[in-house]
Protein backbone atom coordinates (compact mmCIF):
# COMPACT_ATOMS: atom_id res chain seq x y z
CA UNK A 1 71.11 17.00 -67.15
CA UNK A 2 69.05 16.59 -70.29
CA UNK A 3 65.89 17.10 -68.35
CA UNK A 4 67.47 20.35 -67.03
CA UNK A 5 67.92 21.43 -70.56
CA UNK A 6 64.20 21.22 -71.32
CA UNK A 7 63.15 22.59 -67.94
CA UNK A 8 65.51 25.52 -68.29
CA UNK A 9 64.26 26.35 -71.76
CA UNK A 10 60.69 26.11 -70.57
CA UNK A 11 61.39 28.38 -67.68
CA UNK A 12 62.98 30.94 -70.18
CA UNK A 13 60.09 30.65 -72.69
CA UNK A 14 62.09 28.84 -75.43
CA UNK A 15 60.11 25.65 -75.34
CA UNK A 16 59.87 25.31 -79.13
CA UNK A 17 63.60 24.24 -79.13
CA UNK A 18 63.47 21.97 -76.00
CA UNK A 19 63.26 18.64 -77.81
CA UNK A 20 65.94 19.31 -80.36
CA UNK A 21 68.26 20.92 -77.57
CA UNK A 22 67.88 17.96 -75.43
CA UNK A 23 68.73 15.65 -78.29
CA UNK A 24 71.72 17.62 -79.46
CA UNK A 25 73.10 18.04 -75.94
CA UNK A 26 73.02 14.46 -75.28
CA UNK A 27 75.30 13.93 -78.27
CA UNK A 28 77.60 16.86 -77.66
CA UNK A 29 80.66 16.94 -75.44
CA UNK A 30 82.43 20.01 -74.39
CA UNK A 31 85.42 18.87 -76.45
CA UNK A 32 83.18 18.61 -79.51
CA UNK A 33 81.86 22.12 -78.80
CA UNK A 34 85.28 23.53 -78.26
CA UNK A 35 86.50 22.09 -81.58
CA UNK A 36 83.75 23.83 -83.51
CA UNK A 37 84.52 26.65 -85.95
CA UNK A 38 81.91 29.20 -87.28
CA UNK A 39 80.47 26.82 -89.95
CA UNK A 40 80.15 24.04 -87.34
CA UNK A 41 78.31 26.34 -85.01
CA UNK A 42 76.08 27.34 -87.83
CA UNK A 43 75.25 23.62 -88.43
CA UNK A 44 74.68 23.26 -84.67
CA UNK A 45 72.20 26.04 -84.98
CA UNK A 46 70.39 24.26 -87.82
CA UNK A 47 70.38 21.07 -85.85
CA UNK A 48 68.73 22.93 -82.97
CA UNK A 49 65.81 23.92 -85.25
CA UNK A 50 66.70 27.56 -85.91
CA UNK A 51 66.08 27.16 -89.61
CA UNK A 52 68.55 27.13 -92.44
CA UNK A 53 68.39 30.86 -93.01
CA UNK A 54 68.97 31.88 -89.35
CA UNK A 55 71.80 29.35 -89.16
CA UNK A 56 73.63 30.66 -92.25
CA UNK A 57 73.10 34.29 -90.92
CA UNK A 58 74.45 33.27 -87.53
CA UNK A 59 77.46 31.42 -89.08
CA UNK A 60 78.36 34.64 -90.86
CA UNK A 61 78.00 36.69 -87.50
CA UNK A 62 80.21 33.96 -85.72
CA UNK A 63 82.89 34.15 -88.38
CA UNK A 64 82.70 38.01 -88.46
CA UNK A 65 83.05 38.25 -84.58
CA UNK A 66 85.59 35.48 -84.29
CA UNK A 67 83.18 33.26 -82.29
CA UNK A 68 84.24 29.80 -82.32
CA UNK A 69 83.33 26.72 -80.25
CA UNK A 70 85.85 27.49 -77.55
CA UNK A 71 84.09 30.84 -76.86
CA UNK A 72 80.63 29.16 -77.32
CA UNK A 73 81.53 26.62 -74.70
CA UNK A 74 82.01 29.25 -72.13
CA UNK A 75 79.23 31.63 -72.84
CA UNK A 76 76.57 31.54 -70.08
CA UNK A 77 74.56 34.70 -70.70
CA UNK A 78 72.31 34.90 -73.74
CA UNK A 79 73.01 38.69 -73.97
CA UNK A 80 76.49 37.87 -75.02
CA UNK A 81 75.05 36.26 -78.16
CA UNK A 82 72.56 39.03 -78.58
CA UNK A 83 75.37 41.45 -78.94
CA UNK A 84 76.37 39.69 -82.21
CA UNK A 85 72.84 39.53 -83.50
CA UNK A 86 71.27 36.26 -82.25
CA UNK A 87 67.64 36.35 -81.14
CA UNK A 88 66.97 35.94 -77.45
CA UNK A 89 65.40 32.43 -77.87
CA UNK A 90 68.22 31.18 -80.00
CA UNK A 91 70.87 32.59 -77.74
CA UNK A 92 69.16 31.00 -74.81
CA UNK A 93 69.16 27.60 -76.41
CA UNK A 94 72.91 27.78 -77.25
CA UNK A 95 73.69 28.78 -73.66
CA UNK A 96 71.66 25.74 -72.34
CA UNK A 97 73.24 23.35 -74.69
CA UNK A 98 76.73 24.67 -73.69
CA UNK A 99 76.00 24.26 -70.05
CA UNK A 100 74.78 20.71 -70.66
CA UNK A 101 77.92 20.05 -72.70
CA UNK A 102 80.03 21.20 -69.78
CA UNK A 103 78.08 18.89 -67.50
CA UNK A 104 76.52 21.71 -65.56
CA UNK A 105 72.87 21.61 -64.60
CA UNK A 106 70.99 24.58 -65.83
CA UNK A 107 70.55 27.04 -63.05
């Protein structure tokens, strides 16, 4: 499954985040993800290498839109994140990490 994260990110053109996403996905269970609130999701974004500024902005967007870990665990389409202001690459990474946390191979 972790190789699937890196492979999927490569396929989608978000290779810059593959190593961090694979590492973070290895340590993240779906229960951990579902327990996250907006500040936790912002920290996850920073852990994934999005940068402190982007992570803080995303944390504010998550809070504004009521997006928590329960929702993040179920999002499969990067466009859902784009609707709240995440970049395509960052949204793609979050989707791949969530799929890995759910134990699903990236398709």
